[in-house]
Amino acid sequence: TIFGERGEGLMLSALDGGHSDRLILTFSLSKGFGAYGG
């Protein structure tokens, strides 16, 4: 949420907003996202 035009985060921003089949990403829905969960 704090990185990326779509709030996609630091890691996905490094992929220019895309995704990689080498990447498994976990994230929070509580911190920058501002709600609750993961």
PDB file of all heavy atoms in Angstrom:
ATOM      1  N   THR A   1       0.813  -1.217   0.000  1.00  0.00           N
ATOM      2  CA  THR A   1       0.000   0.000   0.000  1.00  0.00           C
ATOM      3  C   THR A   1       0.849   1.271   0.000  1.00  0.00           C
ATOM      4  O   THR A   1       0.467   2.257  -0.643  1.00  0.00           O
ATOM      5  CB  THR A   1      -1.001   0.038   1.187  1.00  0.00           C
ATOM      6  OG1 THR A   1      -1.668  -1.224   1.286  1.00  0.00           O
ATOM      7  CG2 THR A   1      -2.070   1.121   0.970  1.00  0.00           C
ATOM      8  N   ILE A   2       2.006   1.272   0.657  1.00  0.00           N
ATOM      9  CA  ILE A   2       2.803   2.503   0.682  1.00  0.00           C
ATOM     10  C   ILE A   2       3.734   2.604  -0.521  1.00  0.00           C
ATOM     11  O   ILE A   2       4.303   3.669  -0.764  1.00  0.00           O
ATOM     12  CB  ILE A   2       3.601   2.648   1.992  1.00  0.00           C
ATOM     13  CG1 ILE A   2       4.708   1.595   2.106  1.00  0.00           C
ATOM     14  CG2 ILE A   2       2.670   2.578   3.192  1.00  0.00           C
ATOM     15  CD1 ILE A   2       5.639   1.831   3.287  1.00  0.00           C
ATOM     16  N   PHE A   3       3.901   1.523  -1.273  1.00  0.00           N
ATOM     17  CA  PHE A   3       4.683   1.525  -2.514  1.00  0.00           C
ATOM     18  C   PHE A   3       3.779   1.163  -3.680  1.00  0.00           C
ATOM     19  O   PHE A   3       2.859   0.356  -3.541  1.00  0.00           O
ATOM     20  CB  PHE A   3       5.821   0.500  -2.456  1.00  0.00           C
ATOM     21  CG  PHE A   3       7.015   0.906  -1.661  1.00  0.00           C
ATOM     22  CD1 PHE A   3       7.075   0.634  -0.303  1.00  0.00           C
ATOM     23  CD2 PHE A   3       8.090   1.555  -2.250  1.00  0.00           C
ATOM     24  CE1 PHE A   3       8.179   0.999   0.448  1.00  0.00           C
ATOM     25  CE2 PHE A   3       9.200   1.927  -1.514  1.00  0.00           C
ATOM     26  CZ  PHE A   3       9.248   1.647  -0.155  1.00  0.00           C
ATOM     27  N   GLY A   4       4.068   1.732  -4.849  1.00  0.00           N
ATOM     28  CA  GLY A   4       3.401   1.321  -6.081  1.00  0.00           C
ATOM     29  C   GLY A   4       2.174   2.145  -6.416  1.00  0.00           C
ATOM     30  O   GLY A   4       1.429   2.583  -5.531  1.00  0.00           O
ATOM     31  N   GLU A   5       1.937   2.328  -7.695  1.00  0.00           N
ATOM     32  CA  GLU A   5       0.790   3.101  -8.159  1.00  0.00           C
ATOM     33  C   GLU A   5      -0.526   2.463  -7.727  1.00  0.00           C
ATOM     34  O   GLU A   5      -1.525   3.156  -7.515  1.00  0.00           O
ATOM     35  CB  GLU A   5       0.827   3.232  -9.681  1.00  0.00           C
ATOM     36  CG  GLU A   5       1.993   4.062 -10.215  1.00  0.00           C
ATOM     37  CD  GLU A   5       1.975   4.184 -11.712  1.00  0.00           C
ATOM     38  OE1 GLU A   5       1.044   3.614 -12.341  1.00  0.00           O
ATOM     39  OE2 GLU A   5       2.875   4.832 -12.278  1.00  0.00           O
ATOM     40  N   ARG A   6      -0.545   1.153  -7.631  1.00  0.00           N
ATOM     41  CA  ARG A   6      -1.744   0.444  -7.182  1.00  0.00           C
ATOM     42  C   ARG A   6      -1.605  -0.036  -5.749  1.00  0.00           C
ATOM     43  O   ARG A   6      -2.384  -0.886  -5.301  1.00  0.00           O
ATOM     44  CB  ARG A   6      -2.010  -0.758  -8.108  1.00  0.00           C
ATOM     45  CG  ARG A   6      -2.372  -0.373  -9.533  1.00  0.00           C
ATOM     46  CD  ARG A   6      -2.476  -1.579 -10.456  1.00  0.00           C
ATOM     47  NE  ARG A   6      -1.168  -2.162 -10.711  1.00  0.00           N
ATOM     48  CZ  ARG A   6      -0.726  -3.278 -10.152  1.00  0.00           C
ATOM     49  NH1 ARG A   6      -1.474  -3.948  -9.305  1.00  0.00           N
ATOM     50  NH2 ARG A   6       0.477  -3.747 -10.439  1.00  0.00           N
ATOM     51  N   GLY A   7      -0.623   0.487  -5.035  1.00  0.00           N
ATOM     52  CA  GLY A   7      -0.396   0.037  -3.669  1.00  0.00           C
ATOM     53  C   GLY A   7       0.090  -1.396  -3.600  1.00  0.00           C
ATOM     54  O   GLY A   7      -0.100  -2.088  -2.604  1.00  0.00           O
ATOM     55  N   GLU A   8       0.768  -1.838  -4.670  1.00  0.00           N
ATOM     56  CA  GLU A   8       1.149  -3.253  -4.766  1.00  0.00           C
ATOM     57  C   GLU A   8       2.367  -3.622  -3.942  1.00  0.00           C
ATOM     58  O   GLU A   8       2.761  -4.792  -3.893  1.00  0.00           O
ATOM     59  CB  GLU A   8       1.379  -3.651  -6.226  1.00  0.00           C
ATOM     60  CG  GLU A   8       2.565  -2.985  -6.898  1.00  0.00           C
ATOM     61  CD  GLU A   8       2.222  -1.702  -7.613  1.00  0.00           C
ATOM     62  OE1 GLU A   8       1.231  -1.048  -7.235  1.00  0.00           O
ATOM     63  OE2 GLU A   8       2.949  -1.342  -8.562  1.00  0.00           O
ATOM     64  N   GLY A   9       2.995  -2.646  -3.316  1.00  0.00           N
ATOM     65  CA  GLY A   9       4.068  -2.954  -2.383  1.00  0.00           C
ATOM     66  C   GLY A   9       5.456  -2.869  -2.987  1.00  0.00           C
ATOM     67  O   GLY A   9       5.637  -2.703  -4.193  1.00  0.00           O
ATOM     68  N   LEU A  10       6.441  -2.996  -2.104  1.00  0.00           N
ATOM     69  CA  LEU A  10       7.836  -2.858  -2.504  1.00  0.00           C
ATOM     70  C   LEU A  10       8.246  -3.928  -3.504  1.00  0.00           C
ATOM     71  O   LEU A  10       8.872  -3.643  -4.527  1.00  0.00           O
ATOM     72  CB  LEU A  10       8.724  -2.933  -1.252  1.00  0.00           C
ATOM     73  CG  LEU A  10      10.231  -2.886  -1.487  1.00  0.00           C
ATOM     74  CD1 LEU A  10      10.651  -1.518  -2.014  1.00  0.00           C
ATOM     75  CD2 LEU A  10      10.984  -3.201  -0.194  1.00  0.00           C
ATOM     76  N   MET A  11       7.888  -5.172  -3.234  1.00  0.00           N
ATOM     77  CA  MET A  11       8.378  -6.279  -4.048  1.00  0.00           C
ATOM     78  C   MET A  11       7.765  -6.256  -5.449  1.00  0.00           C
ATOM     79  O   MET A  11       8.474  -6.376  -6.449  1.00  0.00           O
ATOM     80  CB  MET A  11       8.060  -7.612  -3.356  1.00  0.00           C
ATOM     81  CG  MET A  11       8.833  -8.779  -3.900  1.00  0.00           C
ATOM     82  SD  MET A  11      10.571  -8.658  -3.452  1.00  0.00           S
ATOM     83  CE  MET A  11      11.314  -9.661  -4.737  1.00  0.00           C
ATOM     84  N   LEU A  12       6.453  -6.120  -5.523  1.00  0.00           N
ATOM     85  CA  LEU A  12       5.812  -6.114  -6.837  1.00  0.00           C
ATOM     86  C   LEU A  12       6.193  -4.876  -7.633  1.00  0.00           C
ATOM     87  O   LEU A  12       6.228  -4.914  -8.859  1.00  0.00           O
ATOM     88  CB  LEU A  12       4.292  -6.215  -6.680  1.00  0.00           C
ATOM     89  CG  LEU A  12       3.758  -7.541  -6.156  1.00  0.00           C
ATOM     90  CD1 LEU A  12       2.242  -7.500  -6.056  1.00  0.00           C
ATOM     91  CD2 LEU A  12       4.205  -8.711  -7.017  1.00  0.00           C
ATOM     92  N   SER A  13       6.482  -3.781  -6.944  1.00  0.00           N
ATOM     93  CA  SER A  13       6.940  -2.585  -7.656  1.00  0.00           C
ATOM     94  C   SER A  13       8.253  -2.852  -8.372  1.00  0.00           C
ATOM     95  O   SER A  13       8.519  -2.296  -9.440  1.00  0.00           O
ATOM     96  CB  SER A  13       7.121  -1.422  -6.670  1.00  0.00           C
ATOM     97  OG  SER A  13       5.888  -1.043  -6.108  1.00  0.00           O
ATOM     98  N   ALA A  14       9.088  -3.702  -7.778  1.00  0.00           N
ATOM     99  CA  ALA A  14      10.359  -4.060  -8.411  1.00  0.00           C
ATOM    100  C   ALA A  14      10.149  -4.865  -9.677  1.00  0.00           C
ATOM    101  O   ALA A  14      11.036  -4.942 -10.534  1.00  0.00           O
ATOM    102  CB  ALA A  14      11.232  -4.849  -7.439  1.00  0.00           C
ATOM    103  N   LEU A  15       8.971  -5.465  -9.813  1.00  0.00           N
ATOM    104  CA  LEU A  15       8.625  -6.216 -11.022  1.00  0.00           C
ATOM    105  C   LEU A  15       7.818  -5.352 -11.981  1.00  0.00           C
ATOM    106  O   LEU A  15       7.135  -5.871 -12.859  1.00  0.00           O
ATOM    107  CB  LEU A  15       7.826  -7.468 -10.644  1.00  0.00           C
ATOM    108  CG  LEU A  15       8.563  -8.483  -9.769  1.00  0.00           C
ATOM    109  CD1 LEU A  15       7.595  -9.545  -9.268  1.00  0.00           C
ATOM    110  CD2 LEU A  15       9.701  -9.124 -10.530  1.00  0.00           C
ATOM    111  N   ASP A  16       7.888  -4.035 -11.756  1.00  0.00           N
ATOM    112  CA  ASP A  16       7.161  -3.070 -12.590  1.00  0.00           C
ATOM    113  C   ASP A  16       5.671  -3.360 -12.612  1.00  0.00           C
ATOM    114  O   ASP A  16       4.997  -3.255 -13.640  1.00  0.00           O
ATOM    115  CB  ASP A  16       7.727  -3.053 -14.013  1.00  0.00           C
ATOM    116  CG  ASP A  16       9.186  -2.619 -14.039  1.00  0.00           C
ATOM    117  OD1 ASP A  16       9.537  -1.704 -13.265  1.00  0.00           O
ATOM    118  OD2 ASP A  16       9.966  -3.193 -14.822  1.00  0.00           O
ATOM    119  N   GLY A  17       5.153  -3.732 -11.419  1.00  0.00           N
ATOM    120  CA  GLY A  17       3.717  -3.933 -11.278  1.00  0.00           C
ATOM    121  C   GLY A  17       3.226  -5.287 -11.723  1.00  0.00           C
ATOM    122  O   GLY A  17       2.033  -5.579 -11.614  1.00  0.00           O
ATOM    123  N   GLY A  18       4.099  -6.130 -12.221  1.00  0.00           N
ATOM    124  CA  GLY A  18       3.687  -7.450 -12.668  1.00  0.00           C
ATOM    125  C   GLY A  18       3.843  -8.488 -11.584  1.00  0.00           C
ATOM    126  O   GLY A  18       3.845  -8.195 -10.399  1.00  0.00           O
ATOM    127  N   HIS A  19       4.012  -9.744 -11.974  1.00  0.00           N
ATOM    128  CA  HIS A  19       4.208 -10.828 -11.026  1.00  0.00           C
ATOM    129  C   HIS A  19       5.174 -11.806 -11.643  1.00  0.00           C
ATOM    130  O   HIS A  19       5.412 -11.802 -12.846  1.00  0.00           O
ATOM    131  CB  HIS A  19       2.874 -11.507 -10.668  1.00  0.00           C
ATOM    132  CG  HIS A  19       2.957 -12.361  -9.441  1.00  0.00           C
ATOM    133  ND1 HIS A  19       3.060 -13.725  -9.481  1.00  0.00           N
ATOM    134  CD2 HIS A  19       2.977 -12.023  -8.136  1.00  0.00           C
ATOM    135  CE1 HIS A  19       3.136 -14.202  -8.249  1.00  0.00           C
ATOM    136  NE2 HIS A  19       3.081 -13.188  -7.417  1.00  0.00           N
ATOM    137  N   SER A  20       5.759 -12.635 -10.806  1.00  0.00           N
ATOM    138  CA  SER A  20       6.726 -13.629 -11.267  1.00  0.00           C
ATOM    139  C   SER A  20       6.345 -14.984 -10.710  1.00  0.00           C
ATOM    140  O   SER A  20       5.911 -15.085  -9.560  1.00  0.00           O
ATOM    141  CB  SER A  20       8.136 -13.252 -10.779  1.00  0.00           C
ATOM    142  OG  SER A  20       9.037 -14.337 -10.968  1.00  0.00           O
ATOM    143  N   ASP A  21       6.502 -16.022 -11.528  1.00  0.00           N
ATOM    144  CA  ASP A  21       6.197 -17.355 -11.020  1.00  0.00           C
ATOM    145  C   ASP A  21       7.257 -17.858 -10.053  1.00  0.00           C
ATOM    146  O   ASP A  21       7.138 -18.950  -9.512  1.00  0.00           O
ATOM    147  CB  ASP A  21       5.991 -18.348 -12.173  1.00  0.00           C
ATOM    148  CG  ASP A  21       7.207 -18.460 -13.082  1.00  0.00           C
ATOM    149  OD1 ASP A  21       8.268 -17.888 -12.758  1.00  0.00           O
ATOM    150  OD2 ASP A  21       7.093 -19.130 -14.131  1.00  0.00           O
ATOM    151  N   ARG A  22       8.304 -17.067  -9.830  1.00  0.00           N
ATOM    152  CA  ARG A  22       9.315 -17.401  -8.823  1.00  0.00           C
ATOM    153  C   ARG A  22       9.005 -16.775  -7.464  1.00  0.00           C
ATOM    154  O   ARG A  22       9.726 -17.021  -6.499  1.00  0.00           O
ATOM    155  CB  ARG A  22      10.695 -16.918  -9.273  1.00  0.00           C
ATOM    156  CG  ARG A  22      11.161 -17.504 -10.582  1.00  0.00           C
ATOM    157  CD  ARG A  22      12.530 -16.980 -10.966  1.00  0.00           C
ATOM    158  NE  ARG A  22      12.874 -17.405 -12.309  1.00  0.00           N
ATOM    159  CZ  ARG A  22      13.355 -18.610 -12.604  1.00  0.00           C
ATOM    160  NH1 ARG A  22      13.565 -19.474 -11.651  1.00  0.00           N
ATOM    161  NH2 ARG A  22      13.625 -18.928 -13.862  1.00  0.00           N
ATOM    162  N   LEU A  23       7.963 -15.952  -7.384  1.00  0.00           N
ATOM    163  CA  LEU A  23       7.685 -15.170  -6.185  1.00  0.00           C
ATOM    164  C   LEU A  23       6.448 -15.685  -5.454  1.00  0.00           C
ATOM    165  O   LEU A  23       5.380 -15.845  -6.048  1.00  0.00           O
ATOM    166  CB  LEU A  23       7.481 -13.699  -6.557  1.00  0.00           C
ATOM    167  CG  LEU A  23       7.029 -12.761  -5.430  1.00  0.00           C
ATOM    168  CD1 LEU A  23       8.108 -12.650  -4.360  1.00  0.00           C
ATOM    169  CD2 LEU A  23       6.693 -11.378  -5.993  1.00  0.00           C
ATOM    170  N   ILE A  24       6.609 -15.925  -4.157  1.00  0.00           N
ATOM    171  CA  ILE A  24       5.484 -16.155  -3.259  1.00  0.00           C
ATOM    172  C   ILE A  24       5.497 -14.983  -2.290  1.00  0.00           C
ATOM    173  O   ILE A  24       6.498 -14.745  -1.603  1.00  0.00           O
ATOM    174  CB  ILE A  24       5.604 -17.476  -2.481  1.00  0.00           C
ATOM    175  CG1 ILE A  24       5.846 -18.644  -3.438  1.00  0.00           C
ATOM    176  CG2 ILE A  24       4.352 -17.725  -1.654  1.00  0.00           C
ATOM    177  CD1 ILE A  24       7.286 -19.103  -3.493  1.00  0.00           C
ATOM    178  N   LEU A  25       4.396 -14.241  -2.236  1.00  0.00           N
ATOM    179  CA  LEU A  25       4.360 -13.010  -1.462  1.00  0.00           C
ATOM    180  C   LEU A  25       3.320 -13.124  -0.353  1.00  0.00           C
ATOM    181  O   LEU A  25       2.181 -13.526  -0.596  1.00  0.00           O
ATOM    182  CB  LEU A  25       3.994 -11.838  -2.379  1.00  0.00           C
ATOM    183  CG  LEU A  25       4.155 -10.442  -1.802  1.00  0.00           C
ATOM    184  CD1 LEU A  25       5.635 -10.063  -1.752  1.00  0.00           C
ATOM    185  CD2 LEU A  25       3.391  -9.427  -2.651  1.00  0.00           C
ATOM    186  N   THR A  26       3.717 -12.771   0.864  1.00  0.00           N
ATOM    187  CA  THR A  26       2.754 -12.598   1.941  1.00  0.00           C
ATOM    188  C   THR A  26       2.687 -11.119   2.291  1.00  0.00           C
ATOM    189  O   THR A  26       3.652 -10.381   2.107  1.00  0.00           O
ATOM    190  CB  THR A  26       3.135 -13.422   3.176  1.00  0.00           C
ATOM    191  OG1 THR A  26       4.459 -13.089   3.588  1.00  0.00           O
ATOM    192  CG2 THR A  26       3.062 -14.914   2.878  1.00  0.00           C
ATOM    193  N   PHE A  27       1.542 -10.701   2.792  1.00  0.00           N
ATOM    194  CA  PHE A  27       1.356  -9.276   3.035  1.00  0.00           C
ATOM    195  C   PHE A  27       0.357  -9.059   4.159  1.00  0.00           C
ATOM    196  O   PHE A  27      -0.317  -9.991   4.617  1.00  0.00           O
ATOM    197  CB  PHE A  27       0.882  -8.566   1.755  1.00  0.00           C
ATOM    198  CG  PHE A  27      -0.369  -9.135   1.147  1.00  0.00           C
ATOM    199  CD1 PHE A  27      -1.621  -8.695   1.544  1.00  0.00           C
ATOM    200  CD2 PHE A  27      -0.288 -10.109   0.155  1.00  0.00           C
ATOM    201  CE1 PHE A  27      -2.771  -9.212   0.978  1.00  0.00           C
ATOM    202  CE2 PHE A  27      -1.432 -10.635  -0.426  1.00  0.00           C
ATOM    203  CZ  PHE A  27      -2.689 -10.177  -0.003  1.00  0.00           C
ATOM    204  N   SER A  28       0.293  -7.817   4.609  1.00  0.00           N
ATOM    205  CA  SER A  28      -0.628  -7.427   5.676  1.00  0.00           C
ATOM    206  C   SER A  28      -1.767  -6.599   5.102  1.00  0.00           C
ATOM    207  O   SER A  28      -1.563  -5.766   4.212  1.00  0.00           O
ATOM    208  CB  SER A  28       0.114  -6.620   6.743  1.00  0.00           C
ATOM    209  OG  SER A  28      -0.795  -6.116   7.711  1.00  0.00           O
ATOM    210  N   LEU A  29      -2.946  -6.826   5.624  1.00  0.00           N
ATOM    211  CA  LEU A  29      -4.092  -5.973   5.329  1.00  0.00           C
ATOM    212  C   LEU A  29      -4.354  -5.021   6.494  1.00  0.00           C
ATOM    213  O   LEU A  29      -5.374  -4.329   6.516  1.00  0.00           O
ATOM    214  CB  LEU A  29      -5.332  -6.833   5.068  1.00  0.00           C
ATOM    215  CG  LEU A  29      -5.244  -7.711   3.814  1.00  0.00           C
ATOM    216  CD1 LEU A  29      -6.382  -8.718   3.776  1.00  0.00           C
ATOM    217  CD2 LEU A  29      -5.242  -6.859   2.551  1.00  0.00           C
ATOM    218  N   SER A  30      -3.415  -4.987   7.454  1.00  0.00           N
ATOM    219  CA  SER A  30      -3.569  -4.166   8.642  1.00  0.00           C
ATOM    220  C   SER A  30      -2.674  -2.937   8.600  1.00  0.00           C
ATOM    221  O   SER A  30      -3.111  -1.836   8.900  1.00  0.00           O
ATOM    222  CB  SER A  30      -3.232  -4.984   9.902  1.00  0.00           C
ATOM    223  OG  SER A  30      -4.042  -6.129  10.009  1.00  0.00           O
ATOM    224  N   LYS A  31      -1.453  -3.064   8.201  1.00  0.00           N
ATOM    225  CA  LYS A  31      -0.466  -1.984   8.338  1.00  0.00           C
ATOM    226  C   LYS A  31      -0.782  -0.844   7.362  1.00  0.00           C
ATOM    227  O   LYS A  31      -1.716  -0.096   7.581  1.00  0.00           O
ATOM    228  CB  LYS A  31       0.932  -2.551   8.171  1.00  0.00           C
ATOM    229  CG  LYS A  31       1.298  -3.546   9.281  1.00  0.00           C
ATOM    230  CD  LYS A  31       2.691  -4.089   9.122  1.00  0.00           C
ATOM    231  CE  LYS A  31       3.139  -4.869  10.353  1.00  0.00           C
ATOM    232  NZ  LYS A  31       2.343  -6.094  10.604  1.00  0.00           N
ATOM    233  N   GLY A  32      -0.004  -0.695   6.314  1.00  0.00           N
ATOM    234  CA  GLY A  32      -0.289   0.379   5.374  1.00  0.00           C
ATOM    235  C   GLY A  32      -1.685   0.279   4.788  1.00  0.00           C
ATOM    236  O   GLY A  32      -2.314   1.293   4.480  1.00  0.00           O
ATOM    237  N   PHE A  33      -2.202  -0.941   4.647  1.00  0.00           N
ATOM    238  CA  PHE A  33      -3.532  -1.152   4.060  1.00  0.00           C
ATOM    239  C   PHE A  33      -4.623  -0.540   4.934  1.00  0.00           C
ATOM    240  O   PHE A  33      -5.661  -0.114   4.440  1.00  0.00           O
ATOM    241  CB  PHE A  33      -3.769  -2.646   3.865  1.00  0.00           C
ATOM    242  CG  PHE A  33      -4.870  -2.989   2.902  1.00  0.00           C
ATOM    243  CD1 PHE A  33      -4.629  -3.044   1.542  1.00  0.00           C
ATOM    244  CD2 PHE A  33      -6.148  -3.253   3.361  1.00  0.00           C
ATOM    245  CE1 PHE A  33      -5.645  -3.365   0.649  1.00  0.00           C
ATOM    246  CE2 PHE A  33      -7.173  -3.570   2.482  1.00  0.00           C
ATOM    247  CZ  PHE A  33      -6.921  -3.622   1.121  1.00  0.00           C
ATOM    248  N   GLY A  34      -4.421  -0.536   6.246  1.00  0.00           N
ATOM    249  CA  GLY A  34      -5.297   0.203   7.132  1.00  0.00           C
ATOM    250  C   GLY A  34      -6.562  -0.501   7.579  1.00  0.00           C
ATOM    251  O   GLY A  34      -7.414   0.121   8.221  1.00  0.00           O
ATOM    252  N   ALA A  35      -6.715  -1.794   7.272  1.00  0.00           N
ATOM    253  CA  ALA A  35      -7.907  -2.518   7.718  1.00  0.00           C
ATOM    254  C   ALA A  35      -7.469  -3.593   8.712  1.00  0.00           C
ATOM    255  O   ALA A  35      -6.877  -3.261   9.734  1.00  0.00           O
ATOM    256  CB  ALA A  35      -8.651  -3.101   6.525  1.00  0.00           C
ATOM    257  N   TYR A  36      -7.734  -4.864   8.410  1.00  0.00           N
ATOM    258  CA  TYR A  36      -7.318  -5.908   9.340  1.00  0.00           C
ATOM    259  C   TYR A  36      -7.199  -7.236   8.608  1.00  0.00           C
ATOM    260  O   TYR A  36      -8.063  -7.597   7.816  1.00  0.00           O
ATOM    261  CB  TYR A  36      -8.313  -6.068  10.496  1.00  0.00           C
ATOM    262  CG  TYR A  36      -7.789  -6.962  11.589  1.00  0.00           C
ATOM    263  CD1 TYR A  36      -6.884  -6.472  12.519  1.00  0.00           C
ATOM    264  CD2 TYR A  36      -8.163  -8.299  11.656  1.00  0.00           C
ATOM    265  CE1 TYR A  36      -6.373  -7.291  13.513  1.00  0.00           C
ATOM    266  CE2 TYR A  36      -7.656  -9.126  12.639  1.00  0.00           C
ATOM    267  CZ  TYR A  36      -6.756  -8.620  13.567  1.00  0.00           C
ATOM    268  OH  TYR A  36      -6.244  -9.437  14.535  1.00  0.00           O
ATOM    269  N   GLY A  37      -6.110  -7.958   8.892  1.00  0.00           N
ATOM    270  CA  GLY A  37      -5.923  -9.288   8.336  1.00  0.00           C
ATOM    271  C   GLY A  37      -4.603  -9.403   7.607  1.00  0.00           C
ATOM    272  O   GLY A  37      -3.718  -8.544   7.710  1.00  0.00           O
ATOM    273  N   GLY A  38      -4.448 -10.493   6.884  1.00  0.00           N
ATOM    274  CA  GLY A  38      -3.246 -10.746   6.098  1.00  0.00           C
ATOM    275  C   GLY A  38      -3.608 -11.540   4.864  1.00  0.00           C
ATOM    276  O   GLY A  38      -4.777 -11.895   4.650  1.00  0.00           O
TER     277      GLY A  38
END
